[in-house]
């Protein structure tokens, strides 16, 4: 059994708590969850390397504060940022992927109006085939002023309005001003 020095154990506990509080969603969460164990194993390897290089007679079976600090530094400044870069799109929650796909479709097709039913049936957009996913993506784009509901009733009679949306002109102009239909 290998133990941690008391101060090293305290430092690890603090880091682990902060690390757990900042755990991302999606597929990156699984990777993130393994980092606590990786931190301890890396600290042990560092301690053993330092012990063997120093050639002293002290016991290598106590993980010290410098070893924990070095492992935490490696994880915080290299392993975590690289995991975010490597997993990239996989780290994005499913709901956000649908929003990004729809927003990209609007911009690449330079659409000034969209109809939810037509998008769902003919656009061949992954993650937006089912009604709930498409509605969720439309709601986010509406909340961020990318879209504005602009439905009409066929023949002016009673019934449901069409699922048409006007696209904010600022979305297509590529300008950096805030998106607002009032300023468009």
N, C-alpha and C. Protein backbone atom coordinates (compact mmCIF):
# COMPACT_ATOMS: atom_id res chain seq x y z
N UNK A 1 0.85 -1.17 0.00
CA UNK A 1 0.00 0.00 0.00
C UNK A 1 0.90 1.24 0.00
N UNK A 2 0.52 2.21 -0.80
CA UNK A 2 1.26 3.47 -0.88
C UNK A 2 0.36 4.55 -0.30
N UNK A 3 0.92 5.36 0.56
CA UNK A 3 0.10 6.41 1.17
C UNK A 3 0.57 7.78 0.73
N UNK A 4 -0.27 8.76 0.96
CA UNK A 4 0.06 10.16 0.68
C UNK A 4 0.48 10.83 1.97
N UNK A 5 1.42 11.76 1.89
CA UNK A 5 1.70 12.61 3.05
C UNK A 5 0.41 13.35 3.37
N UNK A 6 0.25 13.75 4.62
CA UNK A 6 -0.98 14.42 5.02
C UNK A 6 -1.26 15.68 4.19
N UNK A 7 -0.25 16.51 4.00
CA UNK A 7 -0.44 17.73 3.20
C UNK A 7 -0.73 17.39 1.74
N UNK A 8 -0.10 16.34 1.23
CA UNK A 8 -0.35 15.91 -0.14
C UNK A 8 -1.80 15.43 -0.28
N UNK A 9 -2.27 14.71 0.73
CA UNK A 9 -3.66 14.22 0.71
C UNK A 9 -4.64 15.39 0.75
N UNK A 10 -4.33 16.41 1.55
CA UNK A 10 -5.19 17.60 1.61
C UNK A 10 -5.22 18.33 0.27
N UNK A 11 -4.06 18.50 -0.33
CA UNK A 11 -3.96 19.17 -1.62
C UNK A 11 -4.74 18.39 -2.69
N UNK A 12 -4.59 17.07 -2.69
CA UNK A 12 -5.32 16.24 -3.64
C UNK A 12 -6.83 16.35 -3.44
N UNK A 13 -7.28 16.34 -2.19
CA UNK A 13 -8.71 16.43 -1.89
C UNK A 13 -9.30 17.74 -2.39
N UNK A 14 -8.58 18.83 -2.22
CA UNK A 14 -9.05 20.13 -2.69
C UNK A 14 -9.13 20.13 -4.22
N UNK A 15 -8.08 19.65 -4.87
CA UNK A 15 -8.08 19.61 -6.33
C UNK A 15 -9.21 18.73 -6.85
N UNK A 16 -9.40 17.58 -6.22
CA UNK A 16 -10.44 16.65 -6.66
C UNK A 16 -11.83 17.26 -6.55
N UNK A 17 -12.06 18.03 -5.49
CA UNK A 17 -13.37 18.68 -5.30
C UNK A 17 -13.61 19.72 -6.40
N UNK A 18 -12.61 20.55 -6.67
CA UNK A 18 -12.74 21.57 -7.73
C UNK A 18 -12.91 20.89 -9.08
N UNK A 19 -12.13 19.85 -9.31
CA UNK A 19 -12.20 19.10 -10.57
C UNK A 19 -13.60 18.52 -10.77
N UNK A 20 -14.18 17.93 -9.75
CA UNK A 20 -15.51 17.33 -9.84
C UNK A 20 -16.59 18.38 -10.09
N UNK A 21 -16.44 19.56 -9.49
CA UNK A 21 -17.42 20.64 -9.68
C UNK A 21 -17.45 21.14 -11.12
N UNK A 22 -16.33 21.03 -11.81
CA UNK A 22 -16.23 21.55 -13.17
C UNK A 22 -16.32 20.46 -14.24
N UNK A 23 -16.94 19.35 -13.90
CA UNK A 23 -17.03 18.24 -14.84
C UNK A 23 -17.98 18.59 -15.99
N UNK A 24 -17.52 18.39 -17.23
CA UNK A 24 -18.36 18.70 -18.39
C UNK A 24 -19.39 17.61 -18.65
N UNK A 25 -20.30 17.90 -19.59
CA UNK A 25 -21.32 16.94 -20.00
C UNK A 25 -20.80 16.10 -21.16
N UNK A 26 -21.64 15.19 -21.58
CA UNK A 26 -21.36 14.42 -22.78
C UNK A 26 -20.25 13.40 -22.61
N UNK A 27 -19.64 13.06 -23.73
CA UNK A 27 -18.63 12.00 -23.72
C UNK A 27 -17.35 12.41 -22.99
N UNK A 28 -17.13 13.69 -22.82
CA UNK A 28 -15.95 14.15 -22.10
C UNK A 28 -16.06 13.85 -20.61
N UNK A 29 -17.27 13.69 -20.11
CA UNK A 29 -17.48 13.43 -18.68
C UNK A 29 -16.82 12.12 -18.25
N UNK A 30 -16.88 11.11 -19.08
CA UNK A 30 -16.26 9.83 -18.76
C UNK A 30 -14.75 9.98 -18.63
N UNK A 31 -14.16 10.70 -19.55
CA UNK A 31 -12.72 10.94 -19.52
C UNK A 31 -12.34 11.75 -18.28
N UNK A 32 -13.13 12.77 -17.99
CA UNK A 32 -12.89 13.65 -16.85
C UNK A 32 -12.95 12.87 -15.54
N UNK A 33 -13.88 11.94 -15.45
CA UNK A 33 -14.07 11.17 -14.22
C UNK A 33 -12.89 10.29 -13.87
N UNK A 34 -12.08 9.95 -14.85
CA UNK A 34 -10.92 9.10 -14.61
C UNK A 34 -9.68 9.88 -14.18
N UNK A 35 -9.73 11.20 -14.23
CA UNK A 35 -8.54 12.00 -13.96
C UNK A 35 -8.10 11.98 -12.50
N UNK A 36 -9.01 11.75 -11.56
CA UNK A 36 -8.60 11.68 -10.15
C UNK A 36 -7.65 10.51 -9.93
N UNK A 37 -8.01 9.37 -10.46
CA UNK A 37 -7.14 8.20 -10.35
C UNK A 37 -5.84 8.41 -11.11
N UNK A 38 -5.93 9.04 -12.27
CA UNK A 38 -4.73 9.33 -13.05
C UNK A 38 -3.79 10.25 -12.27
N UNK A 39 -4.34 11.21 -11.56
CA UNK A 39 -3.54 12.13 -10.77
C UNK A 39 -2.72 11.37 -9.73
N UNK A 40 -3.36 10.46 -9.02
CA UNK A 40 -2.65 9.68 -8.00
C UNK A 40 -1.58 8.77 -8.61
N UNK A 41 -1.92 8.10 -9.70
CA UNK A 41 -0.94 7.22 -10.34
C UNK A 41 0.24 8.00 -10.89
N UNK A 42 -0.03 9.14 -11.49
CA UNK A 42 1.04 9.97 -12.03
C UNK A 42 1.94 10.50 -10.90
N UNK A 43 1.34 10.91 -9.80
CA UNK A 43 2.14 11.38 -8.65
C UNK A 43 3.04 10.27 -8.12
N UNK A 44 2.53 9.05 -8.07
CA UNK A 44 3.34 7.92 -7.61
C UNK A 44 4.50 7.66 -8.57
N UNK A 45 4.24 7.67 -9.86
CA UNK A 45 5.30 7.46 -10.84
C UNK A 45 6.37 8.54 -10.72
N UNK A 46 5.93 9.79 -10.59
CA UNK A 46 6.90 10.88 -10.43
C UNK A 46 7.74 10.69 -9.17
N UNK A 47 7.09 10.33 -8.07
CA UNK A 47 7.82 10.11 -6.81
C UNK A 47 8.85 9.01 -6.98
N UNK A 48 8.47 7.92 -7.62
CA UNK A 48 9.41 6.81 -7.83
C UNK A 48 10.56 7.21 -8.75
N UNK A 49 10.27 7.98 -9.78
CA UNK A 49 11.34 8.45 -10.67
C UNK A 49 12.32 9.35 -9.93
N UNK A 50 11.80 10.27 -9.15
CA UNK A 50 12.66 11.17 -8.39
C UNK A 50 13.48 10.40 -7.37
N UNK A 51 12.84 9.44 -6.70
CA UNK A 51 13.53 8.64 -5.69
C UNK A 51 14.67 7.84 -6.33
N UNK A 52 14.40 7.25 -7.48
CA UNK A 52 15.44 6.44 -8.11
C UNK A 52 16.58 7.31 -8.65
N UNK A 53 16.27 8.52 -9.08
CA UNK A 53 17.31 9.42 -9.58
C UNK A 53 18.16 9.98 -8.45
N UNK A 54 17.58 10.19 -7.29
CA UNK A 54 18.31 10.75 -6.16
C UNK A 54 19.19 9.71 -5.48
N UNK A 55 18.78 8.44 -5.52
CA UNK A 55 19.56 7.37 -4.91
C UNK A 55 19.60 7.43 -3.40
N UNK A 56 18.61 8.07 -2.76
CA UNK A 56 18.65 8.10 -1.29
C UNK A 56 17.99 6.85 -0.70
N UNK A 57 18.12 6.69 0.59
CA UNK A 57 17.63 5.48 1.26
C UNK A 57 16.22 5.65 1.84
N UNK A 58 15.62 6.83 1.64
CA UNK A 58 14.28 7.02 2.20
C UNK A 58 13.28 6.16 1.44
N UNK A 59 12.15 5.94 2.07
CA UNK A 59 11.13 5.09 1.47
C UNK A 59 10.45 5.81 0.31
N UNK A 60 10.34 5.16 -0.85
CA UNK A 60 9.65 5.78 -1.98
C UNK A 60 8.14 5.59 -1.89
N UNK A 61 7.68 4.92 -0.85
CA UNK A 61 6.28 4.56 -0.77
C UNK A 61 5.43 5.55 0.01
N UNK A 62 5.83 6.81 -0.06
CA UNK A 62 5.03 7.90 0.47
C UNK A 62 5.02 8.97 -0.62
N UNK A 63 3.83 9.26 -1.12
CA UNK A 63 3.70 10.27 -2.18
C UNK A 63 3.71 11.64 -1.51
N UNK A 64 4.59 12.50 -1.99
CA UNK A 64 4.82 13.80 -1.35
C UNK A 64 4.06 14.93 -2.04
N UNK A 65 4.09 16.08 -1.38
CA UNK A 65 3.43 17.28 -1.92
C UNK A 65 3.99 17.66 -3.30
N UNK A 66 5.32 17.69 -3.49
CA UNK A 66 5.81 18.05 -4.83
C UNK A 66 5.32 17.11 -5.93
N UNK A 67 5.18 15.83 -5.61
CA UNK A 67 4.69 14.88 -6.61
C UNK A 67 3.22 15.15 -6.95
N UNK A 68 2.40 15.42 -5.94
CA UNK A 68 0.98 15.73 -6.19
C UNK A 68 0.87 17.04 -6.96
N UNK A 69 1.65 18.05 -6.56
CA UNK A 69 1.62 19.34 -7.26
C UNK A 69 2.00 19.17 -8.73
N UNK A 70 3.03 18.38 -9.00
CA UNK A 70 3.46 18.17 -10.39
C UNK A 70 2.38 17.45 -11.19
N UNK A 71 1.74 16.47 -10.60
CA UNK A 71 0.67 15.73 -11.29
C UNK A 71 -0.52 16.65 -11.57
N UNK A 72 -0.91 17.45 -10.59
CA UNK A 72 -2.03 18.38 -10.76
C UNK A 72 -1.70 19.41 -11.84
N UNK A 73 -0.49 19.92 -11.82
CA UNK A 73 -0.07 20.90 -12.83
C UNK A 73 -0.15 20.30 -14.22
N UNK A 74 0.33 19.07 -14.38
CA UNK A 74 0.26 18.40 -15.67
C UNK A 74 -1.19 18.24 -16.12
N UNK A 75 -2.06 17.79 -15.22
CA UNK A 75 -3.46 17.58 -15.59
C UNK A 75 -4.15 18.89 -15.94
N UNK A 76 -3.96 19.92 -15.11
CA UNK A 76 -4.65 21.19 -15.33
C UNK A 76 -4.15 21.94 -16.56
N UNK A 77 -2.86 21.87 -16.81
CA UNK A 77 -2.29 22.70 -17.86
C UNK A 77 -2.01 21.97 -19.17
N UNK A 78 -2.10 20.64 -19.15
CA UNK A 78 -1.87 19.90 -20.39
C UNK A 78 -2.99 18.90 -20.68
N UNK A 79 -3.23 17.97 -19.77
CA UNK A 79 -4.17 16.88 -20.04
C UNK A 79 -5.60 17.37 -20.26
N UNK A 80 -6.08 18.26 -19.41
CA UNK A 80 -7.45 18.76 -19.57
C UNK A 80 -7.61 19.58 -20.85
N UNK A 81 -6.75 20.56 -21.11
CA UNK A 81 -6.91 21.31 -22.38
C UNK A 81 -6.80 20.42 -23.62
N UNK A 82 -5.91 19.43 -23.58
CA UNK A 82 -5.77 18.54 -24.74
C UNK A 82 -7.01 17.67 -24.90
N UNK A 83 -7.59 17.22 -23.80
CA UNK A 83 -8.82 16.43 -23.88
C UNK A 83 -9.94 17.25 -24.52
N UNK A 84 -10.03 18.51 -24.13
CA UNK A 84 -11.04 19.38 -24.72
C UNK A 84 -10.81 19.57 -26.21
N UNK A 85 -9.56 19.73 -26.62
CA UNK A 85 -9.25 19.91 -28.04
C UNK A 85 -9.49 18.63 -28.83
N UNK A 86 -9.04 17.50 -28.30
CA UNK A 86 -9.15 16.24 -29.02
C UNK A 86 -10.60 15.81 -29.16
N UNK A 87 -11.35 15.90 -28.08
CA UNK A 87 -12.73 15.44 -28.14
C UNK A 87 -13.65 16.48 -28.76
N UNK A 88 -13.24 17.73 -28.76
CA UNK A 88 -13.94 18.82 -29.43
C UNK A 88 -15.44 18.69 -29.49
N UNK A 89 -15.95 18.36 -30.66
CA UNK A 89 -17.39 18.29 -30.88
C UNK A 89 -18.05 17.22 -30.02
N UNK A 90 -17.31 16.19 -29.65
CA UNK A 90 -17.88 15.15 -28.80
C UNK A 90 -18.20 15.68 -27.41
N UNK A 91 -17.54 16.76 -27.02
CA UNK A 91 -17.77 17.34 -25.70
C UNK A 91 -19.01 18.23 -25.67
N UNK A 92 -19.58 18.53 -26.82
CA UNK A 92 -20.76 19.38 -26.89
C UNK A 92 -22.00 18.55 -26.59
N UNK A 93 -22.85 18.99 -25.68
CA UNK A 93 -24.08 18.26 -25.39
C UNK A 93 -24.94 18.09 -26.64
N UNK A 94 -25.72 17.01 -26.69
CA UNK A 94 -26.53 16.68 -27.86
C UNK A 94 -27.46 17.82 -28.27
N UNK A 95 -28.10 18.47 -27.30
CA UNK A 95 -29.04 19.55 -27.62
C UNK A 95 -28.32 20.70 -28.34
N UNK A 96 -27.10 21.02 -27.89
CA UNK A 96 -26.35 22.10 -28.51
C UNK A 96 -25.89 21.74 -29.92
N UNK A 97 -25.66 20.45 -30.16
CA UNK A 97 -25.26 20.02 -31.50
C UNK A 97 -26.38 20.31 -32.50
N UNK A 98 -27.61 20.06 -32.10
CA UNK A 98 -28.74 20.33 -32.98
C UNK A 98 -28.85 21.81 -33.32
N UNK A 99 -28.64 22.66 -32.34
CA UNK A 99 -28.66 24.10 -32.56
C UNK A 99 -27.56 24.50 -33.54
N UNK A 100 -26.36 23.98 -33.32
CA UNK A 100 -25.23 24.30 -34.20
C UNK A 100 -25.48 23.82 -35.63
N UNK A 101 -26.05 22.64 -35.77
CA UNK A 101 -26.34 22.10 -37.11
C UNK A 101 -27.36 22.97 -37.83
N UNK A 102 -28.42 23.37 -37.14
CA UNK A 102 -29.45 24.21 -37.76
C UNK A 102 -28.90 25.59 -38.09
N UNK A 103 -28.12 26.17 -37.20
CA UNK A 103 -27.53 27.49 -37.45
C UNK A 103 -26.60 27.43 -38.65
N UNK A 104 -25.81 26.39 -38.74
CA UNK A 104 -24.90 26.22 -39.87
C UNK A 104 -25.69 26.08 -41.18
N UNK A 105 -26.76 25.32 -41.13
CA UNK A 105 -27.62 25.14 -42.32
C UNK A 105 -28.19 26.48 -42.78
N UNK A 106 -28.68 27.27 -41.85
CA UNK A 106 -29.25 28.58 -42.19
C UNK A 106 -28.21 29.46 -42.86
N UNK A 107 -27.00 29.48 -42.31
CA UNK A 107 -25.96 30.34 -42.86
C UNK A 107 -25.42 29.83 -44.19
N UNK A 108 -25.17 28.54 -44.30
CA UNK A 108 -24.60 28.04 -45.56
C UNK A 108 -25.59 28.10 -46.71
N UNK A 109 -26.87 27.96 -46.42
CA UNK A 109 -27.89 28.05 -47.47
C UNK A 109 -28.39 29.49 -47.65
N UNK A 110 -27.90 30.41 -46.82
CA UNK A 110 -28.30 31.82 -46.85
C UNK A 110 -29.83 31.96 -46.84
N UNK A 111 -30.47 31.26 -45.91
CA UNK A 111 -31.92 31.26 -45.82
C UNK A 111 -32.42 32.52 -45.13
N UNK A 112 -33.42 33.15 -45.72
CA UNK A 112 -34.04 34.32 -45.09
C UNK A 112 -35.31 33.92 -44.35
N UNK A 113 -35.84 32.76 -44.69
CA UNK A 113 -37.03 32.20 -44.03
C UNK A 113 -36.84 30.69 -43.96
N UNK A 114 -37.38 30.10 -42.92
CA UNK A 114 -37.39 28.65 -42.86
C UNK A 114 -38.75 28.17 -42.39
N UNK A 115 -39.08 26.96 -42.75
CA UNK A 115 -40.29 26.30 -42.30
C UNK A 115 -39.85 25.03 -41.59
N UNK A 116 -40.30 24.86 -40.35
CA UNK A 116 -39.85 23.74 -39.53
C UNK A 116 -40.15 22.40 -40.18
N UNK A 117 -41.32 22.24 -40.74
CA UNK A 117 -41.69 20.96 -41.36
C UNK A 117 -40.81 20.65 -42.56
N UNK A 118 -40.53 21.67 -43.36
CA UNK A 118 -39.69 21.46 -44.54
C UNK A 118 -38.26 21.11 -44.11
N UNK A 119 -37.76 21.81 -43.10
CA UNK A 119 -36.40 21.51 -42.59
C UNK A 119 -36.35 20.07 -42.12
N UNK A 120 -37.33 19.65 -41.35
CA UNK A 120 -37.34 18.30 -40.80
C UNK A 120 -37.43 17.24 -41.89
N UNK A 121 -38.22 17.48 -42.91
CA UNK A 121 -38.47 16.46 -43.94
C UNK A 121 -37.44 16.44 -45.07
N UNK A 122 -36.89 17.58 -45.42
CA UNK A 122 -36.06 17.62 -46.63
C UNK A 122 -34.61 18.04 -46.45
N UNK A 123 -34.28 18.63 -45.33
CA UNK A 123 -32.92 19.17 -45.19
C UNK A 123 -31.87 18.11 -44.89
N UNK A 124 -32.26 16.92 -44.50
CA UNK A 124 -31.31 15.84 -44.17
C UNK A 124 -30.28 16.29 -43.14
N UNK A 125 -30.75 16.91 -42.09
CA UNK A 125 -29.86 17.38 -41.03
C UNK A 125 -29.83 16.35 -39.91
N UNK A 126 -28.65 15.82 -39.60
CA UNK A 126 -28.58 14.85 -38.51
C UNK A 126 -28.98 15.50 -37.18
N UNK A 127 -29.54 14.71 -36.31
CA UNK A 127 -29.99 15.13 -34.98
C UNK A 127 -31.22 16.03 -34.99
N UNK A 128 -31.78 16.31 -36.16
CA UNK A 128 -32.97 17.16 -36.21
C UNK A 128 -34.12 16.45 -36.92
N UNK A 129 -34.08 15.15 -36.98
CA UNK A 129 -35.12 14.38 -37.65
C UNK A 129 -36.40 14.31 -36.83
N UNK A 130 -36.25 14.21 -35.49
CA UNK A 130 -37.46 14.11 -34.68
C UNK A 130 -37.95 15.52 -34.29
N UNK A 131 -39.23 15.61 -34.09
CA UNK A 131 -39.89 16.89 -33.85
C UNK A 131 -39.34 17.59 -32.60
N UNK A 132 -39.13 16.84 -31.52
CA UNK A 132 -38.68 17.45 -30.27
C UNK A 132 -37.30 18.09 -30.40
N UNK A 133 -36.38 17.41 -31.08
CA UNK A 133 -35.03 17.97 -31.27
C UNK A 133 -35.09 19.24 -32.11
N UNK A 134 -35.89 19.21 -33.16
CA UNK A 134 -36.01 20.39 -34.02
C UNK A 134 -36.66 21.54 -33.27
N UNK A 135 -37.71 21.26 -32.51
CA UNK A 135 -38.36 22.32 -31.72
C UNK A 135 -37.40 22.94 -30.72
N UNK A 136 -36.59 22.11 -30.08
CA UNK A 136 -35.62 22.61 -29.10
C UNK A 136 -34.60 23.52 -29.78
N UNK A 137 -34.11 23.12 -30.95
CA UNK A 137 -33.13 23.94 -31.68
C UNK A 137 -33.76 25.25 -32.14
N UNK A 138 -34.99 25.18 -32.63
CA UNK A 138 -35.69 26.40 -33.06
C UNK A 138 -35.90 27.35 -31.88
N UNK A 139 -36.24 26.80 -30.72
CA UNK A 139 -36.47 27.63 -29.53
C UNK A 139 -35.20 28.37 -29.12
N UNK A 140 -34.07 27.69 -29.17
CA UNK A 140 -32.80 28.34 -28.81
C UNK A 140 -32.48 29.44 -29.81
N UNK A 141 -32.65 29.17 -31.10
CA UNK A 141 -32.36 30.19 -32.11
C UNK A 141 -33.34 31.35 -32.03
N UNK A 142 -34.55 31.08 -31.58
CA UNK A 142 -35.52 32.16 -31.36
C UNK A 142 -35.11 32.99 -30.15
N UNK A 143 -34.68 32.34 -29.08
CA UNK A 143 -34.25 33.05 -27.86
C UNK A 143 -33.02 33.92 -28.11
N UNK A 144 -32.17 33.52 -29.03
CA UNK A 144 -30.95 34.27 -29.32
C UNK A 144 -31.13 35.26 -30.48
N UNK A 145 -32.38 35.45 -30.89
CA UNK A 145 -32.74 36.40 -31.96
C UNK A 145 -32.20 36.04 -33.34
N UNK A 146 -31.93 34.77 -33.55
CA UNK A 146 -31.59 34.33 -34.90
C UNK A 146 -32.87 34.19 -35.72
N UNK A 147 -33.94 33.75 -35.07
CA UNK A 147 -35.21 33.50 -35.74
C UNK A 147 -36.32 34.24 -35.04
N UNK A 148 -37.35 34.55 -35.82
CA UNK A 148 -38.55 35.17 -35.27
C UNK A 148 -39.74 34.43 -35.87
N UNK A 149 -40.67 33.95 -35.03
CA UNK A 149 -41.84 33.25 -35.58
C UNK A 149 -42.58 34.16 -36.57
N UNK A 150 -42.95 33.59 -37.69
CA UNK A 150 -43.60 34.37 -38.75
C UNK A 150 -44.61 33.50 -39.48
N UNK A 151 -45.35 32.71 -38.69
CA UNK A 151 -46.31 31.79 -39.28
C UNK A 151 -47.61 32.49 -39.70
N UNK A 152 -48.27 31.91 -40.68
CA UNK A 152 -49.56 32.41 -41.16
C UNK A 152 -50.53 31.23 -41.23
N UNK A 153 -51.81 31.55 -41.25
CA UNK A 153 -52.83 30.52 -41.41
C UNK A 153 -53.22 30.45 -42.88
N UNK A 154 -53.31 29.25 -43.39
CA UNK A 154 -53.69 29.08 -44.80
C UNK A 154 -55.11 29.58 -44.99
N UNK A 155 -55.30 30.44 -45.95
CA UNK A 155 -56.63 30.96 -46.26
C UNK A 155 -57.17 31.94 -45.24
N UNK A 156 -56.38 32.30 -44.26
CA UNK A 156 -56.81 33.28 -43.28
C UNK A 156 -57.85 32.76 -42.31
N UNK A 157 -58.19 31.47 -42.35
CA UNK A 157 -59.21 30.92 -41.48
C UNK A 157 -58.66 30.50 -40.13
N UNK A 158 -59.51 29.75 -39.41
CA UNK A 158 -59.10 29.25 -38.11
C UNK A 158 -58.14 28.07 -38.28
N UNK A 159 -57.38 27.85 -37.24
CA UNK A 159 -56.46 26.72 -37.27
C UNK A 159 -55.06 27.13 -36.87
N UNK A 160 -54.17 26.19 -37.00
CA UNK A 160 -52.79 26.42 -36.61
C UNK A 160 -52.07 27.26 -37.64
N UNK A 161 -51.17 28.10 -37.13
CA UNK A 161 -50.30 28.86 -38.03
C UNK A 161 -49.21 27.94 -38.55
N UNK A 162 -48.68 28.28 -39.70
CA UNK A 162 -47.57 27.50 -40.24
C UNK A 162 -46.34 27.69 -39.34
N UNK A 163 -45.43 26.79 -39.46
CA UNK A 163 -44.22 26.84 -38.62
C UNK A 163 -43.10 27.57 -39.35
N UNK A 164 -43.43 28.77 -39.84
CA UNK A 164 -42.45 29.58 -40.55
C UNK A 164 -41.71 30.49 -39.58
N UNK A 165 -40.46 30.76 -39.92
CA UNK A 165 -39.62 31.66 -39.13
C UNK A 165 -38.87 32.58 -40.08
N UNK A 166 -38.80 33.85 -39.69
CA UNK A 166 -37.97 34.80 -40.42
C UNK A 166 -36.57 34.74 -39.81
N UNK A 167 -35.56 34.76 -40.67
CA UNK A 167 -34.17 34.74 -40.21
C UNK A 167 -33.70 36.17 -40.06
N UNK A 168 -33.09 36.47 -38.94
CA UNK A 168 -32.57 37.81 -38.68
C UNK A 168 -31.54 38.15 -39.76
N UNK A 169 -31.69 39.27 -40.46
CA UNK A 169 -30.74 39.63 -41.52
C UNK A 169 -29.30 39.75 -41.03
N UNK A 170 -29.10 40.10 -39.76
CA UNK A 170 -27.74 40.22 -39.22
C UNK A 170 -27.01 38.88 -39.22
N UNK A 171 -27.76 37.78 -39.16
CA UNK A 171 -27.16 36.45 -39.19
C UNK A 171 -26.46 36.21 -40.52
N UNK A 172 -27.07 36.67 -41.58
CA UNK A 172 -26.53 36.42 -42.91
C UNK A 172 -25.54 37.48 -43.38
N UNK A 173 -25.57 38.65 -42.75
CA UNK A 173 -24.69 39.73 -43.20
C UNK A 173 -23.27 39.54 -42.70
N UNK A 174 -23.09 38.69 -41.68
CA UNK A 174 -21.75 38.47 -41.14
C UNK A 174 -21.27 39.63 -40.30
N UNK A 175 -22.17 40.53 -39.95
CA UNK A 175 -21.76 41.67 -39.15
C UNK A 175 -21.58 41.27 -37.70
N UNK A 176 -20.88 42.08 -36.96
CA UNK A 176 -20.60 41.79 -35.56
C UNK A 176 -21.55 42.49 -34.60
N UNK A 177 -22.50 43.27 -35.12
CA UNK A 177 -23.43 43.94 -34.20
C UNK A 177 -24.38 42.92 -33.59
N UNK A 178 -25.00 43.29 -32.49
CA UNK A 178 -25.85 42.34 -31.80
C UNK A 178 -27.06 42.00 -32.67
N UNK A 179 -27.51 40.78 -32.52
CA UNK A 179 -28.61 40.30 -33.32
C UNK A 179 -29.92 40.78 -32.72
N UNK A 180 -30.63 41.60 -33.45
CA UNK A 180 -31.90 42.10 -32.96
C UNK A 180 -32.77 42.41 -34.17
N UNK A 181 -33.97 41.89 -34.17
CA UNK A 181 -34.87 42.18 -35.28
C UNK A 181 -35.24 43.66 -35.30
N UNK A 182 -35.18 44.31 -34.15
CA UNK A 182 -35.51 45.73 -34.10
C UNK A 182 -34.45 46.56 -34.83
N UNK A 183 -33.18 46.09 -34.81
CA UNK A 183 -32.10 46.84 -35.43
C UNK A 183 -31.80 46.36 -36.85
N UNK A 184 -32.46 45.34 -37.29
CA UNK A 184 -32.13 44.73 -38.59
C UNK A 184 -32.63 45.57 -39.74
